[in-house]
Amino acid sequence: MKTHYDVIVVGGRVAGSALAYELSKSGYDVLLLDRATFPSDTLSTHNFFNNSIAMLREMGVLDKLLATGTPVYRRAKLQTGRAVIDGEFPEANGETFCMSIRRKHLDGILFEHAAAQPGVDALQGFRVTELLKEGDAVRGVVGTYRDGRVERFKARLVVGADGRRSAVRELSGSRCEIRVPTDYASYVGYFSGFRQAGERHVEMYKTDDTIVIAFPTSDAQYVVGLMFPLARTAWIEQMKEAPEESFRAAVDAGLAHTDFPARLRAALLAEPIRGLLGYDNDWHTGMGDGWALVGDALVFKDPAVGQGLHDALYGARTLAATLSSVEKESWHRSWGELAKRYEGAMKSKLTGLFYLGCKFSQLSPVTPEEEAANALIGSSPEATRFFLGIYNYTSGAGDIEKAVGRLMAERSIS
């Protein structure tokens, strides 16, 4: 194996494998590294809205992902208080379906696909412990294999695709530009035998102190996310002592006005409950001399909006295109220009949903105005389509505002 590359990508899950694939298309020599061995699981919403499905198809991996038996869905039901928005996601880039695939299937398929591309070398079970530097400039990595051997690799650019606790981000000195802490605990469970009325769909419920989300996922299961305030310390202690019973009790208490608790009681927990006690929505500096960040290492938004995997794919494409705009021999002299271009493109695309995630992170009571607005949106197929289009980038906040304005005008006339 070589020891010098154009790009070293640290982290071989969605962002890293997608980036290695994109860089290979541009003719770069790439070393893709991950401390894990695949297949392996990680905490995730697993979700791709249909705009991301188009990217997976273009990458050539969609058929393999569908072959895992992961179901697809087109519909969403979102309930705020007692107001319901229920409809299908609008078509995006020619695609009509969404999917929420388990990471134990997804990540291994993407890693193998990236490793098979020309110019890509890939290593599993290799943990980066240090960045090689010339002054403040990054010029490579130092890491260890699982048997303890130490290896050094050099590159024109080192990219951190190693998640929300990125080692590359910390070692490179990237600054946190925005940080909005959540004020709730978040737990995830996988359930088999969960039933829904009508066609398969994603469900989301928000009350004064509880958020519950359910996505159909791989292995004939549903992944159910539960969020409640960190201030409920007694609930958190109960979750430690009796995770399943406490998970179900919290859903019962939070969603007593819906049929969701009864349907969940009829389902079987397939795997142990896992969770996080608070985390940050954060956005970091994305590039410096000899280094860059992509995926959750760059920006992490609340999982309630289901955008992490889209951001990983989009960020990989954007970074690869940015690097291709300058001859690789000039990267070290042009990183300021490249950083401005890359970070500008990411902020232009992702800022709106980042702040929507920040809003979800604050479990404030549902106001009468919020409930009334959502009821109005849910009463109109057009407004519902625009609302759901926010999630797959086929519409914007302005489209919803105009649709709501028309509805209010119609009601005032009548």
Protein backbone atom coordinates (compact mmCIF):
# COMPACT_ATOMS: atom_id res chain seq x y z
CA MET A 1 0.00 0.00 0.00
CA LYS A 2 1.17 3.52 -0.78
CA THR A 3 1.99 6.05 1.92
CA HIS A 4 1.30 9.25 -0.12
CA TYR A 5 -2.14 10.26 -1.43
CA ASP A 6 -3.98 13.24 -2.78
CA VAL A 7 -6.65 12.93 -0.08
CA ILE A 8 -6.95 10.94 3.13
CA VAL A 9 -10.55 10.53 4.30
CA VAL A 10 -10.84 9.72 8.00
CA GLY A 11 -14.18 8.00 8.60
CA GLY A 12 -15.65 5.46 6.21
CA ARG A 13 -19.36 5.66 6.90
CA VAL A 14 -21.79 7.66 4.75
CA ALA A 15 -19.95 10.98 4.41
CA GLY A 16 -16.50 9.41 4.07
CA SER A 17 -17.44 6.67 1.62
CA ALA A 18 -19.48 9.07 -0.49
CA LEU A 19 -16.55 11.49 -0.57
CA ALA A 20 -14.07 8.77 -1.57
CA TYR A 21 -16.43 7.79 -4.38
CA GLU A 22 -16.81 11.40 -5.58
CA LEU A 23 -13.06 12.05 -5.42
CA SER A 24 -12.36 8.89 -7.41
CA LYS A 25 -14.62 10.20 -10.18
CA SER A 26 -12.34 13.24 -10.39
CA GLY A 27 -9.23 11.07 -10.68
CA TYR A 28 -7.72 11.59 -7.22
CA ASP A 29 -5.74 9.01 -5.24
CA VAL A 30 -7.67 8.47 -2.01
CA LEU A 31 -7.04 6.61 1.24
CA LEU A 32 -10.28 5.83 3.09
CA LEU A 33 -9.86 4.96 6.78
CA ASP A 34 -12.23 3.83 9.51
CA ARG A 35 -11.60 2.66 13.05
CA ALA A 36 -14.53 0.22 12.83
CA THR A 37 -14.89 -2.92 10.78
CA PHE A 38 -18.00 -3.38 8.64
CA PRO A 39 -20.77 -4.33 8.94
CA SER A 40 -21.30 -2.39 12.17
CA ASP A 41 -24.11 -0.34 13.63
CA THR A 42 -24.30 3.23 14.89
CA LEU A 43 -27.02 5.38 16.43
CA SER A 44 -28.98 7.02 13.62
CA THR A 45 -32.37 7.93 12.18
CA HIS A 46 -31.22 6.00 9.06
CA ASN A 47 -33.39 8.18 6.88
CA PHE A 48 -33.08 9.26 3.24
CA PHE A 49 -35.82 11.50 1.87
CA ASN A 50 -36.40 11.12 -1.85
CA ASN A 51 -34.01 13.91 -2.86
CA SER A 52 -31.24 11.77 -1.35
CA ILE A 53 -32.53 8.65 -3.12
CA ALA A 54 -31.59 10.37 -6.38
CA MET A 55 -27.98 10.76 -5.18
CA LEU A 56 -27.80 7.11 -4.13
CA ARG A 57 -29.08 6.05 -7.54
CA GLU A 58 -26.47 8.20 -9.29
CA MET A 59 -23.75 6.68 -7.11
CA GLY A 60 -24.77 3.21 -8.28
CA VAL A 61 -25.65 1.78 -4.84
CA LEU A 62 -29.45 2.06 -4.71
CA ASP A 63 -30.17 -1.42 -6.06
CA LYS A 64 -27.88 -2.98 -3.45
CA LEU A 65 -29.58 -1.00 -0.70
CA LEU A 66 -33.05 -2.05 -1.87
CA ALA A 67 -31.85 -5.66 -2.05
CA THR A 68 -31.50 -5.62 1.76
CA GLY A 69 -35.30 -5.73 1.88
CA THR A 70 -35.57 -2.31 3.49
CA PRO A 71 -39.07 -0.98 2.77
CA VAL A 72 -39.76 2.33 1.09
CA TYR A 73 -42.37 4.92 2.03
CA ARG A 74 -43.91 8.03 0.50
CA ARG A 75 -46.18 9.40 3.19
CA ALA A 76 -45.70 11.36 6.40
CA LYS A 77 -48.07 12.08 9.28
CA LEU A 78 -47.00 14.88 11.62
CA GLN A 79 -49.10 15.85 14.62
CA THR A 80 -48.51 18.95 16.73
CA GLY A 81 -50.86 18.98 19.68
CA ARG A 82 -54.05 17.87 17.97
CA ALA A 83 -53.29 19.42 14.57
CA VAL A 84 -52.40 16.86 11.89
CA ILE A 85 -50.47 17.29 8.64
CA ASP A 86 -50.75 14.12 6.54
CA GLY A 87 -49.63 13.67 2.95
CA GLU A 88 -47.02 12.38 0.51
CA PHE A 89 -43.61 13.93 -0.01
CA PRO A 90 -43.51 15.72 -3.36
CA GLU A 91 -41.40 14.21 -6.11
CA ALA A 92 -37.74 15.26 -5.92
CA ASN A 93 -35.23 14.87 -8.75
CA GLY A 94 -37.47 12.28 -10.38
CA GLU A 95 -37.75 10.14 -7.23
CA THR A 96 -40.98 9.49 -5.35
CA PHE A 97 -40.00 7.22 -2.44
CA CYS A 98 -37.96 7.54 0.75
CA MET A 99 -36.24 4.88 2.83
CA SER A 100 -34.78 4.48 6.30
CA ILE A 101 -32.10 1.79 6.10
CA ARG A 102 -30.27 0.34 9.09
CA ARG A 103 -26.67 1.47 9.28
CA LYS A 104 -25.45 -2.11 9.69
CA HIS A 105 -26.56 -2.58 6.06
CA LEU A 106 -25.95 0.89 4.66
CA ASP A 107 -22.43 1.66 5.84
CA GLY A 108 -20.86 -1.60 4.73
CA ILE A 109 -22.40 -1.34 1.26
CA LEU A 110 -21.16 2.23 0.82
CA PHE A 111 -17.68 1.39 2.14
CA GLU A 112 -17.31 -1.58 -0.23
CA HIS A 113 -18.57 0.51 -3.14
CA ALA A 114 -16.05 3.26 -2.41
CA ALA A 115 -13.20 0.77 -1.94
CA ALA A 116 -13.95 -0.75 -5.36
CA GLN A 117 -13.43 2.56 -7.19
CA PRO A 118 -10.20 3.20 -9.11
CA GLY A 119 -7.64 5.13 -7.12
CA VAL A 120 -9.21 4.31 -3.72
CA ASP A 121 -7.37 2.33 -1.05
CA ALA A 122 -9.45 1.49 2.02
CA LEU A 123 -8.52 0.35 5.51
CA GLN A 124 -10.85 -0.84 8.27
CA GLY A 125 -9.78 -1.11 11.89
CA PHE A 126 -7.36 1.82 11.65
CA ARG A 127 -7.67 4.58 14.27
CA VAL A 128 -6.17 8.01 13.58
CA THR A 129 -4.38 9.33 16.66
CA GLU A 130 -2.45 12.32 15.33
CA LEU A 131 -2.24 14.72 12.40
CA LEU A 132 1.09 15.28 10.68
CA LYS A 133 1.74 19.02 10.46
CA GLU A 134 4.10 21.58 9.01
CA GLY A 135 3.47 24.55 11.25
CA ASP A 136 -0.32 24.92 11.28
CA ALA A 137 -0.75 23.10 7.96
CA VAL A 138 -1.95 19.48 8.01
CA ARG A 139 0.04 17.11 5.81
CA GLY A 140 -1.07 13.63 6.85
CA VAL A 141 -2.11 11.30 9.66
CA VAL A 142 -0.63 8.93 12.20
CA GLY A 143 -2.69 5.97 13.38
CA THR A 144 -2.73 2.46 14.73
CA TYR A 145 -4.02 -0.87 13.50
CA ARG A 146 -5.88 -3.13 15.90
CA ASP A 147 -2.73 -5.20 16.42
CA GLY A 148 -0.91 -2.11 17.69
CA ARG A 149 1.17 -1.34 14.60
CA VAL A 150 1.68 2.36 13.95
CA GLU A 151 1.54 3.79 10.44
CA ARG A 152 1.96 7.23 8.87
CA PHE A 153 0.27 8.39 5.70
CA LYS A 154 0.79 11.72 3.95
CA ALA A 155 -1.59 13.65 1.72
CA ARG A 156 -2.32 17.01 0.17
CA LEU A 157 -5.57 17.09 2.15
CA VAL A 158 -6.94 15.25 5.20
CA VAL A 159 -10.74 15.20 5.51
CA GLY A 160 -12.54 14.51 8.76
CA ALA A 161 -15.65 12.46 8.02
CA ASP A 162 -15.51 10.93 11.48
CA GLY A 163 -18.77 12.07 12.99
CA ARG A 164 -20.04 14.56 15.54
CA ARG A 165 -17.12 13.82 17.88
CA SER A 166 -14.57 14.17 15.11
CA ALA A 167 -10.93 13.60 16.05
CA VAL A 168 -9.78 15.39 12.89
CA ARG A 169 -11.87 18.42 13.83
CA GLU A 170 -10.32 18.57 17.28
CA LEU A 171 -6.74 17.95 16.11
CA SER A 172 -6.97 20.46 13.26
CA GLY A 173 -8.22 23.25 15.51
CA SER A 174 -11.52 23.84 13.72
CA ARG A 175 -13.66 26.41 15.57
CA CYS A 176 -17.27 25.93 16.58
CA GLU A 177 -19.15 28.79 14.91
CA ILE A 178 -22.68 27.95 16.12
CA ARG A 179 -23.74 25.85 19.08
CA VAL A 180 -27.36 25.41 20.18
CA PRO A 181 -27.73 22.83 22.96
CA THR A 182 -30.74 20.55 23.12
CA ASP A 183 -32.74 20.56 26.32
CA TYR A 184 -33.95 16.97 26.13
CA ALA A 185 -32.91 13.36 26.41
CA SER A 186 -33.23 11.23 23.28
CA TYR A 187 -33.80 7.45 23.15
CA VAL A 188 -34.16 4.98 20.27
CA GLY A 189 -35.76 1.56 20.11
CA TYR A 190 -36.32 -0.96 17.29
CA PHE A 191 -39.72 -2.65 17.26
CA SER A 192 -41.14 -5.52 15.25
CA GLY A 193 -44.85 -6.03 14.70
CA PHE A 194 -45.64 -2.30 14.78
CA ARG A 195 -48.83 -1.59 12.82
CA GLN A 196 -50.00 1.45 10.92
CA ALA A 197 -53.28 2.34 9.27
CA GLY A 198 -53.08 2.64 5.49
CA GLU A 199 -49.81 2.64 3.60
CA ARG A 200 -46.44 2.52 5.34
CA HIS A 201 -45.33 5.98 6.48
CA VAL A 202 -43.24 8.03 8.88
CA GLU A 203 -44.99 9.37 11.98
CA MET A 204 -44.01 12.33 14.14
CA TYR A 205 -45.74 13.70 17.24
CA LYS A 206 -44.88 16.83 19.22
CA THR A 207 -46.60 17.74 22.49
CA ASP A 208 -45.61 20.18 25.23
CA ASP A 209 -42.91 17.90 26.64
CA THR A 210 -42.54 14.93 24.28
CA ILE A 211 -41.48 14.22 20.72
CA VAL A 212 -41.97 10.75 19.22
CA ILE A 213 -40.88 9.75 15.72
CA ALA A 214 -41.32 6.39 13.98
CA PHE A 215 -39.65 5.40 10.70
CA PRO A 216 -40.16 2.08 8.89
CA THR A 217 -36.71 0.50 8.62
CA SER A 218 -34.84 -2.66 7.70
CA ASP A 219 -35.46 -6.18 9.01
CA ALA A 220 -39.26 -5.65 9.19
CA GLN A 221 -38.80 -3.19 12.05
CA TYR A 222 -39.68 0.38 12.95
CA VAL A 223 -37.15 2.66 14.59
CA VAL A 224 -38.93 4.73 17.23
CA GLY A 225 -37.34 7.84 18.68
CA LEU A 226 -38.46 9.30 22.03
CA MET A 227 -37.43 12.72 23.34
CA PHE A 228 -38.35 14.40 26.61
CA PRO A 229 -36.81 17.24 28.68
CA LEU A 230 -33.55 16.72 30.55
CA ALA A 231 -35.32 18.37 33.48
CA ARG A 232 -37.32 15.16 33.93
CA THR A 233 -34.52 13.58 35.92
CA ALA A 234 -36.81 10.95 37.47
CA TRP A 235 -37.69 9.66 33.99
CA ILE A 236 -34.01 9.53 33.07
CA GLU A 237 -33.22 7.48 36.17
CA GLN A 238 -36.11 5.14 35.35
CA MET A 239 -34.75 4.72 31.83
CA LYS A 240 -31.47 3.49 33.33
CA GLU A 241 -33.18 0.99 35.63
CA ALA A 242 -35.90 -0.34 33.32
CA PRO A 243 -35.32 0.93 29.78
CA GLU A 244 -38.13 -0.80 27.90
CA GLU A 245 -40.82 -0.31 30.53
CA SER A 246 -39.84 3.34 31.00
CA PHE A 247 -39.70 3.97 27.24
CA ARG A 248 -43.21 2.63 26.82
CA ALA A 249 -44.49 4.53 29.88
CA ALA A 250 -43.09 7.82 28.57
CA VAL A 251 -44.78 7.26 25.20
CA ASP A 252 -48.04 6.43 27.01
CA ALA A 253 -47.84 9.63 29.04
CA GLY A 254 -46.81 11.92 26.21
CA LEU A 255 -49.13 10.63 23.48
CA ALA A 256 -52.18 9.58 25.48
CA HIS A 257 -54.43 11.55 23.11
CA THR A 258 -53.35 9.38 20.13
CA ASP A 259 -53.52 5.68 19.20
CA PHE A 260 -49.72 5.45 19.00
CA PRO A 261 -49.17 4.02 22.54
CA ALA A 262 -51.63 1.18 21.95
CA ARG A 263 -49.96 0.25 18.67
CA LEU A 264 -46.54 0.37 20.32
CA ARG A 265 -47.74 -1.86 23.18
CA ALA A 266 -48.67 -4.48 20.58
CA ALA A 267 -45.16 -4.40 19.11
CA LEU A 268 -42.08 -6.26 20.38
CA LEU A 269 -38.82 -4.54 21.27
CA ALA A 270 -36.19 -6.18 19.04
CA GLU A 271 -33.00 -4.66 20.49
CA PRO A 272 -31.97 -2.84 23.68
CA ILE A 273 -32.99 0.82 24.04
CA ARG A 274 -30.16 3.27 23.37
CA GLY A 275 -29.99 6.98 24.04
CA LEU A 276 -28.21 10.29 24.46
CA LEU A 277 -28.60 12.75 27.31
CA GLY A 278 -28.45 16.03 25.47
CA TYR A 279 -26.26 17.08 22.56
CA ASP A 280 -25.56 20.17 20.54
CA ASN A 281 -26.73 21.40 17.18
CA ASP A 282 -23.37 22.70 16.01
CA TRP A 283 -21.61 24.10 12.97
CA HIS A 284 -17.83 24.22 12.68
CA THR A 285 -15.27 25.88 10.44
CA GLY A 286 -15.16 23.59 7.42
CA MET A 287 -11.67 23.96 5.97
CA GLY A 288 -8.12 25.05 6.73
CA ASP A 289 -4.67 24.56 5.29
CA GLY A 290 -4.49 20.84 4.47
CA TRP A 291 -7.73 19.79 6.16
CA ALA A 292 -11.50 19.84 5.69
CA LEU A 293 -14.62 18.48 7.39
CA VAL A 294 -17.72 16.80 5.96
CA GLY A 295 -20.89 15.23 7.37
CA ASP A 296 -21.60 15.43 11.11
CA ALA A 297 -18.01 16.54 11.72
CA LEU A 298 -18.91 19.80 9.97
CA VAL A 299 -22.54 20.32 10.94
CA PHE A 300 -24.80 18.30 13.24
CA LYS A 301 -28.49 19.08 13.36
CA ASP A 302 -31.20 17.60 15.50
CA PRO A 303 -32.09 14.07 14.31
CA ALA A 304 -35.78 14.99 14.51
CA VAL A 305 -35.51 16.60 11.06
CA GLY A 306 -33.92 13.47 9.55
CA GLN A 307 -31.29 15.31 7.49
CA GLY A 308 -27.96 13.85 8.59
CA LEU A 309 -27.56 11.35 5.76
CA HIS A 310 -28.63 13.87 3.11
CA ASP A 311 -26.09 16.35 4.47
CA ALA A 312 -23.38 13.70 4.29
CA LEU A 313 -24.06 12.94 0.61
CA TYR A 314 -24.51 16.58 -0.35
CA GLY A 315 -21.40 17.65 1.55
CA ALA A 316 -19.31 14.95 -0.14
CA ARG A 317 -20.41 16.13 -3.59
CA THR A 318 -19.87 19.76 -2.72
CA LEU A 319 -16.39 19.25 -1.28
CA ALA A 320 -15.30 17.09 -4.24
CA ALA A 321 -16.59 19.68 -6.72
CA THR A 322 -14.86 22.47 -4.79
CA LEU A 323 -11.52 20.67 -4.82
CA SER A 324 -11.87 19.91 -8.53
CA SER A 325 -12.17 23.63 -9.27
CA VAL A 326 -8.44 24.11 -8.53
CA GLU A 327 -5.43 22.04 -9.63
CA LYS A 328 -4.43 19.78 -6.76
CA GLU A 329 -0.88 21.11 -6.85
CA SER A 330 -2.33 24.49 -5.85
CA TRP A 331 -4.60 23.36 -2.99
CA HIS A 332 -2.13 24.43 -0.31
CA ARG A 333 -1.91 27.92 -1.85
CA SER A 334 -5.64 28.25 -2.53
CA TRP A 335 -7.22 26.87 0.61
CA GLY A 336 -8.66 30.27 1.62
CA GLU A 337 -10.52 30.53 -1.68
CA LEU A 338 -11.56 26.87 -1.51
CA ALA A 339 -12.80 27.26 2.07
CA LYS A 340 -14.90 30.29 1.15
CA ARG A 341 -16.46 28.41 -1.77
CA TYR A 342 -17.10 25.18 0.13
CA GLU A 343 -18.42 26.75 3.33
CA GLY A 344 -20.55 29.22 1.38
CA ALA A 345 -22.21 26.43 -0.61
CA MET A 346 -22.89 24.37 2.52
CA LYS A 347 -24.39 27.30 4.42
CA SER A 348 -26.53 28.32 1.47
CA LYS A 349 -28.00 24.82 1.25
CA LEU A 350 -28.25 23.68 4.86
CA THR A 351 -28.86 26.73 7.04
CA GLY A 352 -32.67 26.69 6.90
CA LEU A 353 -33.07 23.11 8.10
CA PHE A 354 -30.23 23.57 10.61
CA TYR A 355 -32.30 26.20 12.40
CA LEU A 356 -35.43 24.09 12.08
CA GLY A 357 -33.50 21.39 13.94
CA CYS A 358 -32.51 23.96 16.56
CA LYS A 359 -36.20 24.78 17.00
CA PHE A 360 -37.04 21.11 17.52
CA SER A 361 -34.27 20.96 20.12
CA GLN A 362 -36.16 23.29 22.44
CA LEU A 363 -39.14 21.41 23.81
CA SER A 364 -41.35 24.42 24.40
CA PRO A 365 -45.10 24.07 24.88
CA VAL A 366 -47.21 23.91 21.73
CA THR A 367 -48.80 27.34 21.40
CA PRO A 368 -52.38 27.83 20.20
CA GLU A 369 -50.97 29.80 17.26
CA GLU A 370 -48.64 26.94 16.26
CA GLU A 371 -51.42 24.38 16.52
CA ALA A 372 -53.81 26.57 14.52
CA ALA A 373 -51.21 27.19 11.79
CA ASN A 374 -50.50 23.47 11.44
CA ALA A 375 -54.21 22.67 11.35
CA LEU A 376 -54.59 25.18 8.54
CA ILE A 377 -51.69 23.65 6.62
CA GLY A 378 -53.10 20.17 7.14
CA SER A 379 -56.46 21.24 5.72
CA SER A 380 -54.91 22.03 2.32
CA PRO A 381 -53.21 19.49 -0.01
CA GLU A 382 -51.18 22.33 -1.54
CA ALA A 383 -49.95 23.67 1.80
CA THR A 384 -49.25 20.12 2.99
CA ARG A 385 -47.17 19.48 -0.13
CA PHE A 386 -45.17 22.66 0.45
CA PHE A 387 -44.70 21.79 4.12
CA LEU A 388 -43.37 18.31 3.40
CA GLY A 389 -41.30 19.73 0.55
CA ILE A 390 -39.20 21.58 3.13
CA TYR A 391 -37.69 18.22 4.10
CA ASN A 392 -36.61 17.29 0.58
CA TYR A 393 -35.74 20.82 -0.58
CA THR A 394 -38.51 21.04 -3.18
CA SER A 395 -40.07 24.05 -1.43
CA GLY A 396 -39.11 26.77 1.00
CA ALA A 397 -40.60 28.66 3.90
CA GLY A 398 -41.86 31.31 1.49
CA ASP A 399 -44.01 28.76 -0.34
CA ILE A 400 -45.73 27.76 2.90
CA GLU A 401 -46.24 31.37 3.96
CA LYS A 402 -47.91 32.19 0.64
CA ALA A 403 -50.14 29.11 0.79
CA VAL A 404 -51.19 29.89 4.37
CA GLY A 405 -51.81 33.49 3.40
CA ARG A 406 -54.14 32.38 0.61
CA LEU A 407 -55.98 30.03 2.97
CA MET A 408 -56.45 32.76 5.55
CA ALA A 409 -57.70 35.17 2.89
CA GLU A 410 -60.17 32.58 1.60
CA ARG A 411 -61.49 31.93 5.11
CA SER A 412 -61.87 35.63 5.87
CA ILE A 413 -63.86 36.12 2.64
CA SER A 414 -66.12 33.15 3.35
